[in-house]
N, C-alpha and C. Protein backbone atom coordinates (compact mmCIF):
# COMPACT_ATOMS: atom_id res chain seq x y z
N GLU A 1 22.68 111.01 116.60
CA GLU A 1 23.83 111.88 117.32
C GLU A 1 24.55 111.29 118.32
N ASN A 2 25.51 110.65 117.89
CA ASN A 2 26.23 110.15 118.85
C ASN A 2 27.83 110.18 118.36
N ASP A 3 28.82 109.89 119.31
CA ASP A 3 30.00 110.14 118.78
C ASP A 3 30.74 108.67 119.13
N ILE A 4 30.10 107.62 118.57
CA ILE A 4 30.85 106.29 118.78
C ILE A 4 31.44 106.10 117.72
N PRO A 5 32.64 105.42 118.29
CA PRO A 5 33.79 104.84 117.37
C PRO A 5 33.14 103.98 116.18
N CYS A 6 33.53 103.97 114.86
CA CYS A 6 32.75 103.56 113.61
C CYS A 6 34.31 103.08 112.87
N GLN A 7 34.04 102.53 111.39
CA GLN A 7 34.65 102.30 110.68
C GLN A 7 34.05 102.83 109.24
N ASP A 8 34.40 103.57 108.52
CA ASP A 8 33.85 103.96 107.43
C ASP A 8 34.20 103.26 106.08
N GLY A 9 35.13 102.25 106.39
CA GLY A 9 35.32 101.28 105.10
C GLY A 9 36.72 101.77 104.23
N ASP A 10 37.36 102.67 104.58
CA ASP A 10 38.44 103.69 104.02
C ASP A 10 39.82 102.96 104.69
N PRO A 11 40.30 102.02 104.57
CA PRO A 11 41.56 101.82 105.52
C PRO A 11 42.62 103.31 105.27
N CYS A 12 42.39 104.36 104.93
CA CYS A 12 43.23 105.85 104.86
C CYS A 12 42.73 106.38 105.91
N THR A 13 41.51 106.01 106.61
CA THR A 13 41.48 106.98 107.59
C THR A 13 41.04 106.26 108.84
N THR A 14 41.61 106.89 109.93
CA THR A 14 41.61 106.41 111.36
C THR A 14 40.64 107.14 112.56
N GLY A 15 40.30 106.75 113.25
CA GLY A 15 39.54 107.43 114.28
C GLY A 15 38.18 108.08 113.81
N ASP A 16 37.51 107.13 112.81
CA ASP A 16 36.17 107.39 112.41
C ASP A 16 35.09 107.39 113.56
N GLN A 17 34.00 108.19 113.53
CA GLN A 17 33.17 108.46 114.43
C GLN A 17 31.86 108.56 113.85
N CYS A 18 30.85 108.17 114.45
CA CYS A 18 29.27 108.24 114.16
C CYS A 18 29.01 109.73 114.22
N ALA A 19 28.33 110.63 113.45
CA ALA A 19 28.18 111.78 113.59
C ALA A 19 26.54 111.72 113.08
N GLU A 20 25.80 112.35 113.36
CA GLU A 20 24.34 112.59 112.67
C GLU A 20 23.88 111.35 111.77
N LYS A 21 23.97 110.29 112.44
CA LYS A 21 23.65 108.93 111.94
C LYS A 21 24.54 108.31 110.69
N GLU A 22 25.69 109.06 110.68
CA GLU A 22 26.58 108.48 109.53
C GLU A 22 27.76 108.44 110.33
N CYS A 23 28.84 107.57 109.52
CA CYS A 23 30.17 107.45 109.87
C CYS A 23 30.92 107.92 109.35
N VAL A 24 31.64 108.99 110.15
CA VAL A 24 32.44 110.06 109.38
C VAL A 24 34.03 109.67 109.68
N ALA A 25 34.80 110.05 108.43
CA ALA A 25 35.83 109.91 108.44
C ALA A 25 36.96 110.66 109.23
N GLY A 26 37.82 110.16 110.17
CA GLY A 26 38.66 110.66 110.92
C GLY A 26 39.94 111.05 110.29
N GLY A 27 40.95 111.11 111.17
CA GLY A 27 42.30 111.51 110.41
C GLY A 27 42.79 110.67 109.15
N PRO A 28 43.88 111.11 108.88
CA PRO A 28 44.67 110.18 107.86
C PRO A 28 45.22 109.18 108.75
N THR A 29 45.16 107.88 107.86
CA THR A 29 46.10 106.84 108.53
C THR A 29 47.64 106.99 108.54
N ASP A 30 48.47 106.67 109.63
CA ASP A 30 49.64 106.89 109.40
C ASP A 30 50.43 105.71 108.97
N CYS A 31 50.93 105.63 107.85
CA CYS A 31 51.48 104.49 107.14
C CYS A 31 53.06 104.68 107.40
N SER A 32 53.66 105.27 107.96
CA SER A 32 55.04 105.54 108.23
C SER A 32 55.62 104.17 108.81
N ASP A 33 56.50 103.62 107.97
CA ASP A 33 57.16 102.36 108.62
C ASP A 33 58.53 102.56 109.26
N GLY A 34 58.83 103.92 109.25
CA GLY A 34 60.03 104.19 109.97
C GLY A 34 61.35 104.04 108.96
N ASN A 35 61.25 103.56 107.84
CA ASN A 35 62.24 103.09 106.86
C ASN A 35 62.54 104.31 105.87
N VAL A 36 63.52 105.27 105.85
CA VAL A 36 63.80 106.38 105.06
C VAL A 36 63.99 105.73 103.47
N CYS A 37 64.09 104.55 103.15
CA CYS A 37 64.56 103.93 102.21
C CYS A 37 63.00 103.55 101.29
N THR A 38 62.07 103.87 102.11
CA THR A 38 60.62 103.60 101.52
C THR A 38 59.94 104.76 101.45
N THR A 39 59.03 104.96 100.42
CA THR A 39 58.17 106.12 100.29
C THR A 39 56.73 105.69 100.57
N ASP A 40 56.29 106.21 101.84
CA ASP A 40 55.09 105.75 102.51
C ASP A 40 53.73 106.27 102.07
N SER A 41 52.90 105.62 101.63
CA SER A 41 51.35 106.41 101.20
C SER A 41 50.37 105.40 101.72
N CYS A 42 49.09 105.88 101.55
CA CYS A 42 48.11 104.78 101.84
C CYS A 42 47.15 104.92 100.31
N ASN A 43 46.57 103.83 99.94
CA ASN A 43 45.86 103.71 98.87
C ASN A 43 44.74 102.67 99.40
N PRO A 44 43.47 103.46 99.12
CA PRO A 44 42.21 102.59 99.72
C PRO A 44 42.03 101.52 98.85
N ASN A 45 42.51 101.25 97.94
CA ASN A 45 42.52 100.10 96.91
C ASN A 45 43.02 98.99 97.52
N VAL A 46 44.05 98.99 98.23
CA VAL A 46 45.00 97.91 98.74
C VAL A 46 44.64 97.39 100.29
N VAL A 47 44.70 96.11 100.32
CA VAL A 47 44.45 95.57 101.79
C VAL A 47 45.26 96.27 102.81
N GLY A 48 44.60 96.69 103.69
CA GLY A 48 45.48 97.32 104.85
C GLY A 48 45.47 99.04 104.72
N GLY A 49 45.79 99.26 103.30
CA GLY A 49 45.79 100.71 102.97
C GLY A 49 47.27 101.15 102.66
N CYS A 50 48.25 100.86 103.51
CA CYS A 50 49.50 101.09 103.58
C CYS A 50 50.30 100.59 102.53
N VAL A 51 51.10 101.44 101.48
CA VAL A 51 51.84 101.00 100.52
C VAL A 51 53.25 101.56 100.89
N HIS A 52 54.33 100.85 100.98
CA HIS A 52 55.67 101.24 101.10
C HIS A 52 56.50 101.15 100.07
N THR A 53 56.77 101.85 99.01
CA THR A 53 57.50 101.71 98.00
C THR A 53 59.06 102.27 98.03
N ASP A 54 59.94 101.36 97.75
CA ASP A 54 61.47 101.47 97.50
C ASP A 54 61.89 102.78 97.13
N ASN A 55 62.60 103.44 97.27
CA ASN A 55 63.16 104.92 96.68
C ASN A 55 64.73 104.57 96.68
N THR A 56 65.08 105.73 95.87
CA THR A 56 66.58 106.00 95.90
C THR A 56 67.14 107.14 96.61
N ASP A 57 66.63 107.29 97.60
CA ASP A 57 66.84 108.80 98.55
C ASP A 57 68.36 108.65 98.97
N PRO A 58 68.85 109.84 99.39
CA PRO A 58 70.16 109.70 100.14
C PRO A 58 69.60 109.13 101.57
N CYS A 59 70.69 108.44 102.13
CA CYS A 59 70.49 107.91 103.35
C CYS A 59 71.90 108.05 104.32
N ASN A 60 71.96 107.37 105.55
CA ASN A 60 73.14 107.29 106.30
C ASN A 60 72.99 105.75 106.58
N ASP A 61 73.98 105.01 106.23
CA ASP A 61 74.30 103.69 106.42
C ASP A 61 74.92 103.61 107.92
N GLY A 62 75.20 104.56 108.47
CA GLY A 62 75.83 104.32 110.09
C GLY A 62 77.36 104.15 110.04
N ASN A 63 77.83 104.25 108.81
CA ASN A 63 79.40 104.15 108.53
C ASN A 63 79.98 105.65 108.17
N GLY A 64 80.50 106.30 109.26
CA GLY A 64 81.15 107.36 108.48
C GLY A 64 82.33 107.40 107.75
N CYS A 65 82.55 106.16 107.30
CA CYS A 65 83.80 105.97 106.14
C CYS A 65 83.30 105.65 104.81
N THR A 66 82.22 106.05 104.74
CA THR A 66 81.54 105.72 103.49
C THR A 66 80.75 107.30 102.91
N LEU A 67 80.66 107.62 101.84
CA LEU A 67 79.92 108.83 101.42
C LEU A 67 79.20 108.69 100.58
N ASP A 68 78.00 109.53 100.46
CA ASP A 68 77.01 109.35 99.41
C ASP A 68 76.45 107.88 99.34
N ASP A 69 75.83 107.60 100.41
CA ASP A 69 74.98 106.58 100.77
C ASP A 69 73.63 106.69 100.25
N THR A 70 73.05 105.71 99.63
CA THR A 70 71.90 105.83 98.70
C THR A 70 70.81 104.58 98.92
N CYS A 71 69.71 104.88 99.25
CA CYS A 71 68.83 103.81 99.36
C CYS A 71 68.56 103.03 98.14
N ALA A 72 68.69 101.47 98.06
CA ALA A 72 68.10 100.59 97.14
C ALA A 72 67.51 99.27 97.76
N ALA A 73 66.53 98.93 97.07
CA ALA A 73 65.70 97.53 97.36
C ALA A 73 65.17 97.86 98.74
N GLY A 74 64.83 98.98 99.30
CA GLY A 74 64.46 99.32 100.59
C GLY A 74 65.28 99.31 101.62
N ALA A 75 66.72 99.54 101.47
CA ALA A 75 67.82 99.70 102.47
C ALA A 75 68.84 100.45 102.16
N CYS A 76 69.31 101.17 103.08
CA CYS A 76 70.62 101.99 102.74
C CYS A 76 71.70 101.14 102.59
N GLU A 77 72.31 101.59 101.49
CA GLU A 77 73.57 100.81 100.80
C GLU A 77 74.75 101.90 100.92
N PRO A 78 75.88 101.19 101.24
CA PRO A 78 77.21 102.27 101.44
C PRO A 78 77.21 102.84 100.17
N GLY A 79 77.71 104.09 100.21
CA GLY A 79 78.33 104.98 98.88
C GLY A 79 79.51 104.27 98.32
N LEU A 80 79.81 104.47 97.08
CA LEU A 80 80.96 103.71 96.51
C LEU A 80 82.19 104.71 96.75
N VAL A 81 82.11 105.90 97.38
CA VAL A 81 83.14 106.77 97.69
C VAL A 81 83.77 106.64 98.84
N PRO A 82 84.84 106.26 99.26
CA PRO A 82 85.01 106.10 100.63
C PRO A 82 85.58 107.46 101.08
N LYS A 83 85.49 107.49 102.58
CA LYS A 83 85.98 109.09 103.07
C LYS A 83 87.69 109.27 102.63
N ASN A 84 87.84 110.54 102.48
CA ASN A 84 89.24 110.75 102.08
C ASN A 84 89.98 111.06 103.38
N CYS A 85 91.10 110.45 103.72
CA CYS A 85 91.62 110.51 105.00
C CYS A 85 93.08 111.02 104.79
N ALA A 86 93.47 111.05 103.39
CA ALA A 86 94.82 111.63 103.13
C ALA A 86 95.20 112.72 103.63
N ASP A 87 96.34 112.76 104.33
CA ASP A 87 97.07 113.87 105.23
C ASP A 87 98.07 114.39 104.34
N GLN A 88 98.34 113.99 103.09
CA GLN A 88 99.27 114.49 102.18
C GLN A 88 101.08 114.42 103.03
N ASN A 89 100.89 113.42 103.71
CA ASN A 89 102.05 113.13 104.57
C ASN A 89 102.56 111.70 104.53
N GLY A 90 103.66 111.53 103.80
CA GLY A 90 104.20 110.18 103.26
C GLY A 90 104.69 109.49 104.48
N CYS A 91 104.94 110.18 105.62
CA CYS A 91 105.43 109.32 106.82
C CYS A 91 104.24 108.84 107.71
N THR A 92 102.76 108.93 107.32
CA THR A 92 101.78 108.22 107.94
C THR A 92 101.02 107.62 106.86
N ASP A 93 100.57 106.28 107.70
CA ASP A 93 99.53 105.45 106.75
C ASP A 93 98.29 105.80 107.12
N ASP A 94 97.38 106.19 106.35
CA ASP A 94 96.18 106.82 106.63
C ASP A 94 95.09 105.95 106.36
N SER A 95 94.06 106.00 107.40
CA SER A 95 92.86 104.94 107.25
C SER A 95 91.60 105.79 107.69
N CYS A 96 90.34 105.06 107.55
CA CYS A 96 89.25 105.72 108.35
C CYS A 96 88.65 104.58 109.31
N GLU A 97 88.49 105.09 110.39
CA GLU A 97 87.74 104.13 111.22
C GLU A 97 86.34 104.22 111.42
N ALA A 98 85.60 103.10 111.37
CA ALA A 98 84.36 103.03 111.45
C ALA A 98 83.93 102.70 112.95
N PRO A 99 82.69 103.26 113.37
CA PRO A 99 81.76 103.45 112.69
C PRO A 99 81.46 105.36 112.73
N LEU A 100 82.40 105.85 113.28
CA LEU A 100 82.42 107.30 113.43
C LEU A 100 82.85 108.13 112.38
N GLY A 101 83.93 107.31 111.58
CA GLY A 101 84.39 107.94 110.12
C GLY A 101 85.71 108.60 110.85
N THR A 102 86.46 108.23 111.75
CA THR A 102 87.48 109.00 112.42
C THR A 102 88.65 108.53 111.54
N CYS A 103 89.64 109.69 111.01
CA CYS A 103 90.62 109.63 110.07
C CYS A 103 91.77 109.12 111.02
N LEU A 104 92.48 108.20 111.01
CA LEU A 104 93.75 108.17 111.49
C LEU A 104 95.01 108.01 110.74
N HIS A 105 96.00 108.47 111.36
CA HIS A 105 97.29 108.84 110.70
C HIS A 105 98.24 108.24 111.65
N ASP A 106 98.77 106.92 111.19
CA ASP A 106 99.65 106.39 112.03
C ASP A 106 101.10 106.16 111.31
N PRO A 107 101.92 106.58 112.31
CA PRO A 107 103.26 106.76 111.66
C PRO A 107 104.00 105.72 111.13
N ASN A 108 104.73 105.54 110.08
CA ASN A 108 105.24 104.53 109.45
C ASN A 108 106.81 104.64 109.24
N SER A 109 107.68 104.01 108.69
CA SER A 109 109.14 104.11 108.73
C SER A 109 109.51 103.98 107.13
N ASN A 110 108.70 104.46 106.37
CA ASN A 110 109.12 104.53 105.20
C ASN A 110 110.44 105.57 104.86
N SER A 111 110.94 105.27 103.67
CA SER A 111 112.05 106.13 103.09
C SER A 111 111.46 107.65 102.73
N CYS A 112 112.10 108.60 102.68
CA CYS A 112 111.33 109.74 102.42
C CYS A 112 112.74 110.71 102.03
N ASP A 113 112.14 112.02 101.68
CA ASP A 113 113.19 113.06 101.24
C ASP A 113 112.85 114.20 102.06
N ASP A 114 113.84 114.74 102.98
CA ASP A 114 113.83 115.88 104.03
C ASP A 114 113.81 117.19 103.25
N GLY A 115 114.28 117.08 101.99
CA GLY A 115 114.42 118.38 101.28
C GLY A 115 115.70 119.02 101.43
N ASN A 116 116.69 118.16 102.21
CA ASN A 116 117.90 118.63 102.29
C ASN A 116 118.88 117.93 101.44
N ALA A 117 119.39 118.44 100.19
CA ALA A 117 120.18 117.74 99.51
C ALA A 117 121.60 117.27 100.00
N CYS A 118 121.85 117.52 101.24
CA CYS A 118 123.15 117.22 102.01
C CYS A 118 122.95 116.07 102.79
N THR A 119 121.66 115.33 102.89
CA THR A 119 121.66 114.30 103.68
C THR A 119 121.06 112.99 102.71
N ASP A 120 121.52 111.60 102.81
CA ASP A 120 121.23 110.69 102.13
C ASP A 120 120.47 109.59 103.08
N GLY A 121 119.66 108.69 102.52
CA GLY A 121 118.95 107.73 103.36
C GLY A 121 117.98 108.43 104.51
N ASP A 122 117.25 109.45 104.06
CA ASP A 122 116.22 109.91 104.90
C ASP A 122 114.95 108.95 105.03
N VAL A 123 114.67 109.05 106.39
CA VAL A 123 113.64 107.78 106.92
C VAL A 123 112.47 108.51 107.67
N CYS A 124 111.33 107.94 107.63
CA CYS A 124 110.41 108.45 108.29
C CYS A 124 110.42 107.82 109.66
N SER A 125 110.19 108.66 110.57
CA SER A 125 110.01 108.42 112.13
C SER A 125 109.12 109.37 112.93
N GLY A 126 108.20 108.72 113.61
CA GLY A 126 107.23 109.70 114.48
C GLY A 126 106.34 110.53 113.71
N GLY A 127 105.95 110.12 112.35
CA GLY A 127 105.24 110.87 111.53
C GLY A 127 105.81 112.12 110.76
N GLY A 128 107.03 112.02 110.68
CA GLY A 128 107.86 113.12 110.03
C GLY A 128 109.16 112.43 109.36
N CYS A 129 109.54 113.50 108.48
CA CYS A 129 110.87 112.83 107.95
C CYS A 129 112.07 113.21 108.48
N GLN A 130 112.84 112.12 108.82
CA GLN A 130 114.04 112.52 109.73
C GLN A 130 115.16 112.45 108.59
N PRO A 131 116.34 113.32 108.91
CA PRO A 131 117.49 113.31 108.13
C PRO A 131 118.56 111.92 108.05
N GLY A 132 119.05 111.82 107.03
CA GLY A 132 119.89 110.68 106.88
C GLY A 132 121.25 110.64 107.38
N GLU A 133 122.27 110.09 107.02
CA GLU A 133 123.66 110.52 106.79
C GLU A 133 124.09 111.82 106.12
N PRO A 134 124.97 112.38 106.65
CA PRO A 134 125.50 113.37 105.62
C PRO A 134 125.94 113.04 104.72
N LYS A 135 125.72 113.66 103.50
CA LYS A 135 126.17 113.33 102.15
C LYS A 135 127.92 113.67 102.11
N ILE A 136 128.79 112.61 101.62
CA ILE A 136 130.24 112.98 101.55
C ILE A 136 130.50 113.61 99.72
N CYS A 137 130.98 114.99 100.01
CA CYS A 137 131.17 115.50 98.70
C CYS A 137 132.88 115.51 98.67
N ASN A 138 133.56 114.65 97.90
CA ASN A 138 134.79 114.67 97.61
C ASN A 138 134.93 113.88 96.56
N ASP A 139 135.38 114.69 95.39
CA ASP A 139 135.54 114.06 94.25
C ASP A 139 136.94 113.68 93.94
N GLY A 140 137.81 113.53 94.93
CA GLY A 140 139.13 113.09 94.64
C GLY A 140 140.13 113.90 94.00
N ASN A 141 139.76 115.17 93.58
CA ASN A 141 140.72 115.84 92.71
C ASN A 141 141.30 117.12 93.85
N GLY A 142 142.38 117.23 93.88
CA GLY A 142 143.21 118.06 94.62
C GLY A 142 143.15 119.58 94.40
N CYS A 143 142.55 119.82 93.07
CA CYS A 143 142.52 121.36 92.48
C CYS A 143 141.07 121.78 92.62
N THR A 144 140.15 120.94 93.38
CA THR A 144 138.88 121.21 93.47
C THR A 144 138.58 121.62 94.98
N ASP A 145 137.77 122.42 95.30
CA ASP A 145 137.00 122.40 96.54
C ASP A 145 135.72 121.76 96.76
N ASP A 146 135.36 121.05 97.48
CA ASP A 146 134.30 120.25 97.70
C ASP A 146 133.26 120.68 98.86
N ARG A 147 132.25 120.90 98.23
CA ARG A 147 131.09 121.27 99.71
C ARG A 147 129.85 120.61 99.27
N CYS A 148 128.84 120.54 100.44
CA CYS A 148 127.66 120.23 100.12
C CYS A 148 126.66 121.67 100.20
N ASP A 149 125.78 121.71 99.32
CA ASP A 149 124.91 122.89 99.25
C ASP A 149 123.60 122.12 99.65
N ASN A 150 122.74 122.77 100.39
CA ASN A 150 121.39 122.21 101.23
C ASN A 150 120.37 122.07 99.87
N ILE A 151 120.56 122.97 98.69
CA ILE A 151 119.55 122.39 97.73
C ILE A 151 120.18 122.10 96.54
N ASP A 152 121.45 122.38 96.23
CA ASP A 152 122.21 121.84 94.99
C ASP A 152 122.85 120.59 95.18
N GLY A 153 123.28 120.05 96.32
CA GLY A 153 123.90 118.78 96.64
C GLY A 153 125.27 119.14 96.59
N CYS A 154 126.16 118.45 96.07
CA CYS A 154 127.61 118.46 95.95
C CYS A 154 127.90 119.55 94.98
N VAL A 155 128.54 120.43 95.34
CA VAL A 155 129.15 121.49 94.47
C VAL A 155 130.73 121.52 94.58
N THR A 156 131.39 121.58 93.14
CA THR A 156 132.65 121.58 93.17
C THR A 156 133.29 122.83 92.50
N THR A 157 134.45 123.65 93.06
CA THR A 157 134.72 124.61 92.56
C THR A 157 136.18 124.43 92.22
N ASN A 158 136.68 125.18 91.25
CA ASN A 158 138.20 124.95 91.00
C ASN A 158 138.97 125.79 92.10
N ASN A 159 140.30 125.30 92.33
CA ASN A 159 140.90 126.14 93.36
C ASN A 159 142.36 126.38 92.73
N ASN A 160 143.07 127.29 93.15
CA ASN A 160 144.65 127.65 93.04
C ASN A 160 145.58 126.90 93.73
N ASP A 161 145.43 126.09 94.48
CA ASP A 161 146.15 125.42 95.33
C ASP A 161 147.31 124.69 94.50
N PRO A 162 148.64 124.62 94.97
CA PRO A 162 149.56 123.88 94.34
C PRO A 162 149.23 122.54 94.24
N CYS A 163 149.83 121.73 93.32
CA CYS A 163 149.20 120.30 93.11
C CYS A 163 150.48 119.56 92.69
N GLN A 164 150.33 118.30 92.51
CA GLN A 164 151.23 117.56 91.94
C GLN A 164 150.70 117.04 90.40
N ASP A 165 151.29 116.86 89.32
CA ASP A 165 150.85 116.62 88.06
C ASP A 165 151.09 115.26 87.90
N GLY A 166 151.93 114.59 88.80
CA GLY A 166 152.25 113.21 88.74
C GLY A 166 153.57 113.01 87.54
N SER A 167 154.09 113.88 87.34
CA SER A 167 155.28 113.54 86.70
C SER A 167 156.63 114.16 87.38
């Protein structure tokens, strides 16, 4: 009747102690290896008892620019789907900055359409579309009035102005 530490021969128990002339099993052996990509268990028929089996659980590879990271061969592998940083603005170049996964939207100087049919050569500046030069609407016909409509562009209407027919 003593409480002297002993070994009961089972590697899956720890803290075994003598009690009533026998070695009594203690608590379970902690087999955690700290790796989320292994499933840890204890098998008394294995030397040392601890078994670390590779799994395919979701994990975080530490790169915020990859999604759906998955365990493979005992390690966390980046997901095949990149983080979507698209801001639907043609005047910015979109990217993801690791490791935090911060979305960046850098202004560019691409050509664009400002939605005004009365400008030509619109260009990106400062992350927005800037109007180009005013569209010149002149068909060279003195019998028409020419103007630019922001939606339809050049519009020509007949007029009743006096004109020369060339004879």
